[in-house]
PDB file of all heavy atoms in Angstrom:
ATOM      1  N   ALA A   1     -25.350  62.276  -1.900  1.00  0.00           N
ATOM      2  CA  ALA A   1     -25.115  60.886  -1.604  1.00  0.00           C
ATOM      3  C   ALA A   1     -23.519  60.510  -1.614  1.00  0.00           C
ATOM      4  O   ALA A   1     -23.259  59.344  -1.301  1.00  0.00           O
ATOM      5  CB  ALA A   1     -25.718  60.017  -2.683  1.00  0.00           C
ATOM      6  N   GLY A   2     -22.794  61.534  -1.817  1.00  0.00           N
ATOM      7  CA  GLY A   2     -21.386  61.180  -1.718  1.00  0.00           C
ATOM      8  C   GLY A   2     -20.761  60.567  -3.050  1.00  0.00           C
ATOM      9  O   GLY A   2     -19.674  60.109  -2.962  1.00  0.00           O
ATOM     10  N   LEU A   3     -21.524  60.736  -4.053  1.00  0.00           N
ATOM     11  CA  LEU A   3     -21.102  60.039  -5.327  1.00  0.00           C
ATOM     12  C   LEU A   3     -20.502  61.045  -6.307  1.00  0.00           C
ATOM     13  O   LEU A   3     -19.832  60.613  -7.268  1.00  0.00           O
ATOM     14  CB  LEU A   3     -22.303  59.466  -6.108  1.00  0.00           C
ATOM     15  CG  LEU A   3     -23.067  58.271  -5.228  1.00  0.00           C
ATOM     16  CD1 LEU A   3     -24.293  57.944  -6.042  1.00  0.00           C
ATOM     17  CD2 LEU A   3     -22.145  57.177  -5.148  1.00  0.00           C
ATOM     18  N   LEU A   4     -20.635  62.331  -6.049  1.00  0.00           N
ATOM     19  CA  LEU A   4     -20.038  63.346  -6.867  1.00  0.00           C
ATOM     20  C   LEU A   4     -19.454  64.578  -6.009  1.00  0.00           C
ATOM     21  O   LEU A   4     -20.296  65.085  -5.268  1.00  0.00           O
ATOM     22  CB  LEU A   4     -21.148  63.920  -7.919  1.00  0.00           C
ATOM     23  CG  LEU A   4     -20.776  64.962  -8.845  1.00  0.00           C
ATOM     24  CD1 LEU A   4     -19.785  64.429  -9.951  1.00  0.00           C
ATOM     25  CD2 LEU A   4     -22.089  65.494  -9.557  1.00  0.00           C
ATOM     26  N   ASP A   5     -18.277  64.846  -6.245  1.00  0.00           N
ATOM     27  CA  ASP A   5     -17.613  65.895  -5.437  1.00  0.00           C
ATOM     28  C   ASP A   5     -18.169  67.189  -5.842  1.00  0.00           C
ATOM     29  O   ASP A   5     -18.192  67.412  -6.962  1.00  0.00           O
ATOM     30  CB  ASP A   5     -16.079  65.852  -5.737  1.00  0.00           C
ATOM     31  CG  ASP A   5     -15.312  64.656  -5.090  1.00  0.00           C
ATOM     32  OD1 ASP A   5     -16.015  64.133  -4.074  1.00  0.00           O
ATOM     33  OD2 ASP A   5     -14.377  64.289  -5.480  1.00  0.00           O
ATOM     34  N   PRO A   6     -18.637  68.096  -4.772  1.00  0.00           N
ATOM     35  CA  PRO A   6     -18.921  69.462  -5.153  1.00  0.00           C
ATOM     36  C   PRO A   6     -17.698  70.230  -5.519  1.00  0.00           C
ATOM     37  O   PRO A   6     -16.632  70.023  -5.070  1.00  0.00           O
ATOM     38  CB  PRO A   6     -19.645  69.878  -3.874  1.00  0.00           C
ATOM     39  CG  PRO A   6     -19.028  69.059  -2.836  1.00  0.00           C
ATOM     40  CD  PRO A   6     -18.755  67.748  -3.451  1.00  0.00           C
ATOM     41  N   THR A   7     -17.865  71.079  -6.458  1.00  0.00           N
ATOM     42  CA  THR A   7     -16.801  72.050  -6.730  1.00  0.00           C
ATOM     43  C   THR A   7     -16.421  72.915  -5.556  1.00  0.00           C
ATOM     44  O   THR A   7     -15.324  73.108  -5.265  1.00  0.00           O
ATOM     45  CB  THR A   7     -17.136  72.959  -8.053  1.00  0.00           C
ATOM     46  OG1 THR A   7     -17.554  72.210  -9.112  1.00  0.00           O
ATOM     47  CG2 THR A   7     -16.049  73.848  -8.358  1.00  0.00           C
ATOM     48  N   SER A   8     -17.492  73.350  -4.796  1.00  0.00           N
ATOM     49  CA  SER A   8     -17.350  74.003  -3.589  1.00  0.00           C
ATOM     50  C   SER A   8     -18.525  73.844  -2.764  1.00  0.00           C
ATOM     51  O   SER A   8     -19.573  73.438  -3.341  1.00  0.00           O
ATOM     52  CB  SER A   8     -17.000  75.511  -3.737  1.00  0.00           C
ATOM     53  OG  SER A   8     -18.069  76.093  -4.494  1.00  0.00           O
ATOM     54  N   GLY A   9     -18.432  74.139  -1.534  1.00  0.00           N
ATOM     55  CA  GLY A   9     -19.562  73.876  -0.701  1.00  0.00           C
ATOM     56  C   GLY A   9     -19.488  72.827   0.194  1.00  0.00           C
ATOM     57  O   GLY A   9     -18.449  72.083   0.173  1.00  0.00           O
ATOM     58  N   ARG A  10     -20.534  72.546   1.196  1.00  0.00           N
ATOM     59  CA  ARG A  10     -20.335  71.480   2.224  1.00  0.00           C
ATOM     60  C   ARG A  10     -21.643  70.626   2.281  1.00  0.00           C
ATOM     61  O   ARG A  10     -22.635  71.179   2.194  1.00  0.00           O
ATOM     62  CB  ARG A  10     -20.131  72.159   3.574  1.00  0.00           C
ATOM     63  CG  ARG A  10     -20.050  71.270   4.693  1.00  0.00           C
ATOM     64  CD  ARG A  10     -19.507  71.895   5.947  1.00  0.00           C
ATOM     65  NE  ARG A  10     -20.372  73.005   6.323  1.00  0.00           N
ATOM     66  CZ  ARG A  10     -21.445  72.938   7.223  1.00  0.00           C
ATOM     67  NH1 ARG A  10     -21.784  71.733   7.671  1.00  0.00           N
ATOM     68  NH2 ARG A  10     -22.224  73.969   7.493  1.00  0.00           N
ATOM     69  N   VAL A  11     -21.377  69.322   2.393  1.00  0.00           N
ATOM     70  CA  VAL A  11     -22.535  68.339   2.597  1.00  0.00           C
ATOM     71  C   VAL A  11     -22.273  67.676   3.954  1.00  0.00           C
ATOM     72  O   VAL A  11     -21.208  67.238   4.294  1.00  0.00           O
ATOM     73  CB  VAL A  11     -22.660  67.434   1.488  1.00  0.00           C
ATOM     74  CG1 VAL A  11     -23.721  66.349   1.756  1.00  0.00           C
ATOM     75  CG2 VAL A  11     -22.770  67.895   0.149  1.00  0.00           C
ATOM     76  N   ARG A  12     -23.394  67.477   4.692  1.00  0.00           N
ATOM     77  CA  ARG A  12     -23.397  66.667   5.876  1.00  0.00           C
ATOM     78  C   ARG A  12     -24.697  65.792   5.952  1.00  0.00           C
ATOM     79  O   ARG A  12     -25.771  66.453   5.764  1.00  0.00           O
ATOM     80  CB  ARG A  12     -23.355  67.607   7.204  1.00  0.00           C
ATOM     81  CG  ARG A  12     -22.155  68.359   7.291  1.00  0.00           C
ATOM     82  CD  ARG A  12     -20.869  67.486   7.638  1.00  0.00           C
ATOM     83  NE  ARG A  12     -19.652  68.233   7.864  1.00  0.00           N
ATOM     84  CZ  ARG A  12     -18.829  68.637   6.814  1.00  0.00           C
ATOM     85  NH1 ARG A  12     -19.005  68.205   5.578  1.00  0.00           N
ATOM     86  NH2 ARG A  12     -17.646  69.252   7.086  1.00  0.00           N
ATOM     87  N   LEU A  13     -24.453  64.496   6.227  1.00  0.00           N
ATOM     88  CA  LEU A  13     -25.390  63.543   6.383  1.00  0.00           C
ATOM     89  C   LEU A  13     -25.468  63.087   7.933  1.00  0.00           C
ATOM     90  O   LEU A  13     -24.506  62.412   8.204  1.00  0.00           O
ATOM     91  CB  LEU A  13     -25.340  62.396   5.411  1.00  0.00           C
ATOM     92  CG  LEU A  13     -25.586  62.760   3.990  1.00  0.00           C
ATOM     93  CD1 LEU A  13     -25.416  61.467   3.144  1.00  0.00           C
ATOM     94  CD2 LEU A  13     -26.947  63.430   3.594  1.00  0.00           C
ATOM     95  N   ARG A  14     -26.382  63.527   8.693  1.00  0.00           N
ATOM     96  CA  ARG A  14     -26.398  63.232  10.101  1.00  0.00           C
ATOM     97  C   ARG A  14     -24.991  63.577  10.727  1.00  0.00           C
ATOM     98  O   ARG A  14     -24.621  62.996  11.588  1.00  0.00           O
ATOM     99  CB  ARG A  14     -26.644  61.718  10.344  1.00  0.00           C
ATOM    100  CG  ARG A  14     -27.960  61.168   9.690  1.00  0.00           C
ATOM    101  CD  ARG A  14     -28.165  59.766  10.110  1.00  0.00           C
ATOM    102  NE  ARG A  14     -28.695  59.734  11.426  1.00  0.00           N
ATOM    103  CZ  ARG A  14     -28.532  58.624  12.288  1.00  0.00           C
ATOM    104  NH1 ARG A  14     -27.921  57.590  11.834  1.00  0.00           N
ATOM    105  NH2 ARG A  14     -29.054  58.734  13.503  1.00  0.00           N
ATOM    106  N   GLY A  15     -24.620  64.781  10.304  1.00  0.00           N
ATOM    107  CA  GLY A  15     -23.324  65.340  10.913  1.00  0.00           C
ATOM    108  C   GLY A  15     -22.075  64.928  10.274  1.00  0.00           C
ATOM    109  O   GLY A  15     -21.098  65.378  10.647  1.00  0.00           O
ATOM    110  N   LYS A  16     -22.192  63.905   9.321  1.00  0.00           N
ATOM    111  CA  LYS A  16     -20.864  63.331   8.740  1.00  0.00           C
ATOM    112  C   LYS A  16     -20.658  63.713   7.451  1.00  0.00           C
ATOM    113  O   LYS A  16     -21.566  63.995   6.527  1.00  0.00           O
ATOM    114  CB  LYS A  16     -21.004  61.773   8.855  1.00  0.00           C
ATOM    115  CG  LYS A  16     -21.155  61.245  10.301  1.00  0.00           C
ATOM    116  CD  LYS A  16     -21.232  59.765  10.277  1.00  0.00           C
ATOM    117  CE  LYS A  16     -21.304  59.263  11.808  1.00  0.00           C
ATOM    118  NZ  LYS A  16     -21.403  57.862  11.939  1.00  0.00           N
ATOM    119  N   ASP A  17     -19.504  63.921   7.175  1.00  0.00           N
ATOM    120  CA  ASP A  17     -19.028  64.295   5.639  1.00  0.00           C
ATOM    121  C   ASP A  17     -18.952  63.072   4.801  1.00  0.00           C
ATOM    122  O   ASP A  17     -18.064  62.212   5.088  1.00  0.00           O
ATOM    123  CB  ASP A  17     -17.667  64.996   5.843  1.00  0.00           C
ATOM    124  CG  ASP A  17     -17.047  65.424   4.470  1.00  0.00           C
ATOM    125  OD1 ASP A  17     -17.838  65.351   3.319  1.00  0.00           O
ATOM    126  OD2 ASP A  17     -16.100  66.006   4.471  1.00  0.00           O
ATOM    127  N   PRO A  18     -19.827  62.975   3.814  1.00  0.00           N
ATOM    128  CA  PRO A  18     -19.715  61.832   2.944  1.00  0.00           C
ATOM    129  C   PRO A  18     -18.492  61.864   2.130  1.00  0.00           C
ATOM    130  O   PRO A  18     -18.187  60.715   1.472  1.00  0.00           O
ATOM    131  CB  PRO A  18     -20.918  61.989   2.060  1.00  0.00           C
ATOM    132  CG  PRO A  18     -21.352  63.447   2.033  1.00  0.00           C
ATOM    133  CD  PRO A  18     -20.864  63.920   3.396  1.00  0.00           C
ATOM    134  N   PHE A  19     -17.667  62.771   2.031  1.00  0.00           N
ATOM    135  CA  PHE A  19     -16.510  62.775   1.290  1.00  0.00           C
ATOM    136  C   PHE A  19     -15.288  62.603   2.198  1.00  0.00           C
ATOM    137  O   PHE A  19     -14.074  62.793   1.756  1.00  0.00           O
ATOM    138  CB  PHE A  19     -16.323  64.139   0.472  1.00  0.00           C
ATOM    139  CG  PHE A  19     -17.613  64.296  -0.558  1.00  0.00           C
ATOM    140  CD1 PHE A  19     -18.648  65.189  -0.136  1.00  0.00           C
ATOM    141  CD2 PHE A  19     -17.639  63.602  -1.649  1.00  0.00           C
ATOM    142  CE1 PHE A  19     -19.701  65.324  -0.976  1.00  0.00           C
ATOM    143  CE2 PHE A  19     -18.573  63.675  -2.588  1.00  0.00           C
ATOM    144  CZ  PHE A  19     -19.664  64.576  -2.276  1.00  0.00           C
ATOM    145  N   GLY A  20     -15.557  62.531   3.478  1.00  0.00           N
ATOM    146  CA  GLY A  20     -14.320  62.436   4.398  1.00  0.00           C
ATOM    147  C   GLY A  20     -13.940  60.912   4.575  1.00  0.00           C
ATOM    148  O   GLY A  20     -14.328  60.023   3.829  1.00  0.00           O
ATOM    149  N   ALA A  21     -13.191  60.633   5.635  1.00  0.00           N
ATOM    150  CA  ALA A  21     -12.587  59.372   5.758  1.00  0.00           C
ATOM    151  C   ALA A  21     -13.504  58.324   6.166  1.00  0.00           C
ATOM    152  O   ALA A  21     -13.421  57.146   6.048  1.00  0.00           O
ATOM    153  CB  ALA A  21     -11.276  59.462   6.816  1.00  0.00           C
ATOM    154  N   ALA A  22     -14.531  58.913   7.061  1.00  0.00           N
ATOM    155  CA  ALA A  22     -15.554  57.887   7.760  1.00  0.00           C
ATOM    156  C   ALA A  22     -16.472  57.574   6.537  1.00  0.00           C
ATOM    157  O   ALA A  22     -16.941  58.228   5.872  1.00  0.00           O
ATOM    158  CB  ALA A  22     -16.244  58.625   8.858  1.00  0.00           C
ATOM    159  N   SER A  23     -16.750  56.085   6.604  1.00  0.00           N
ATOM    160  CA  SER A  23     -17.629  55.646   5.489  1.00  0.00           C
ATOM    161  C   SER A  23     -18.887  55.144   6.187  1.00  0.00           C
ATOM    162  O   SER A  23     -19.821  54.581   5.472  1.00  0.00           O
ATOM    163  CB  SER A  23     -16.945  54.506   4.672  1.00  0.00           C
ATOM    164  OG  SER A  23     -16.631  53.526   5.513  1.00  0.00           O
ATOM    165  N   ASP A  24     -19.037  55.099   7.454  1.00  0.00           N
ATOM    166  CA  ASP A  24     -20.179  54.400   8.144  1.00  0.00           C
ATOM    167  C   ASP A  24     -21.496  55.233   7.966  1.00  0.00           C
ATOM    168  O   ASP A  24     -22.501  54.931   8.247  1.00  0.00           O
ATOM    169  CB  ASP A  24     -19.877  54.257   9.670  1.00  0.00           C
ATOM    170  CG  ASP A  24     -19.604  55.616  10.362  1.00  0.00           C
ATOM    171  OD1 ASP A  24     -19.313  56.613   9.699  1.00  0.00           O
ATOM    172  OD2 ASP A  24     -19.727  55.680  11.529  1.00  0.00           O
ATOM    173  N   PHE A  25     -21.361  56.404   7.297  1.00  0.00           N
ATOM    174  CA  PHE A  25     -22.559  57.164   7.018  1.00  0.00           C
ATOM    175  C   PHE A  25     -23.491  56.421   6.063  1.00  0.00           C
ATOM    176  O   PHE A  25     -24.632  56.620   5.952  1.00  0.00           O
ATOM    177  CB  PHE A  25     -22.264  58.620   6.458  1.00  0.00           C
ATOM    178  CG  PHE A  25     -21.995  58.625   4.954  1.00  0.00           C
ATOM    179  CD1 PHE A  25     -22.942  58.933   4.012  1.00  0.00           C
ATOM    180  CD2 PHE A  25     -20.691  58.330   4.486  1.00  0.00           C
ATOM    181  CE1 PHE A  25     -22.739  58.952   2.713  1.00  0.00           C
ATOM    182  CE2 PHE A  25     -20.422  58.286   3.124  1.00  0.00           C
ATOM    183  CZ  PHE A  25     -21.482  58.602   2.333  1.00  0.00           C
ATOM    184  N   ARG A  26     -22.855  55.612   5.175  1.00  0.00           N
ATOM    185  CA  ARG A  26     -23.663  54.875   4.194  1.00  0.00           C
ATOM    186  C   ARG A  26     -24.579  54.052   4.852  1.00  0.00           C
ATOM    187  O   ARG A  26     -25.577  53.515   4.233  1.00  0.00           O
ATOM    188  CB  ARG A  26     -22.614  54.118   3.235  1.00  0.00           C
ATOM    189  CG  ARG A  26     -21.791  55.133   2.474  1.00  0.00           C
ATOM    190  CD  ARG A  26     -20.972  54.416   1.358  1.00  0.00           C
ATOM    191  NE  ARG A  26     -20.263  55.310   0.547  1.00  0.00           N
ATOM    192  CZ  ARG A  26     -20.612  56.238  -0.317  1.00  0.00           C
ATOM    193  NH1 ARG A  26     -21.894  56.278  -0.647  1.00  0.00           N
ATOM    194  NH2 ARG A  26     -19.805  57.078  -0.831  1.00  0.00           N
ATOM    195  N   GLU A  27     -24.338  53.419   6.110  1.00  0.00           N
ATOM    196  CA  GLU A  27     -25.293  52.624   6.692  1.00  0.00           C
ATOM    197  C   GLU A  27     -26.570  53.336   6.999  1.00  0.00           C
ATOM    198  O   GLU A  27     -27.670  52.739   7.146  1.00  0.00           O
ATOM    199  CB  GLU A  27     -24.675  52.182   8.092  1.00  0.00           C
ATOM    200  CG  GLU A  27     -23.381  51.304   7.945  1.00  0.00           C
ATOM    201  CD  GLU A  27     -22.803  51.068   9.264  1.00  0.00           C
ATOM    202  OE1 GLU A  27     -23.456  51.383  10.229  1.00  0.00           O
ATOM    203  OE2 GLU A  27     -21.766  50.470   9.236  1.00  0.00           O
TER     204      GLU A  27
END
């Protein structure tokens, strides 16, 4: 959900990084 930073590894929601600059993934 992008609420807790992973120590390592990668998350993508519909191709977007929930920890990146773009916030429109929350929609």
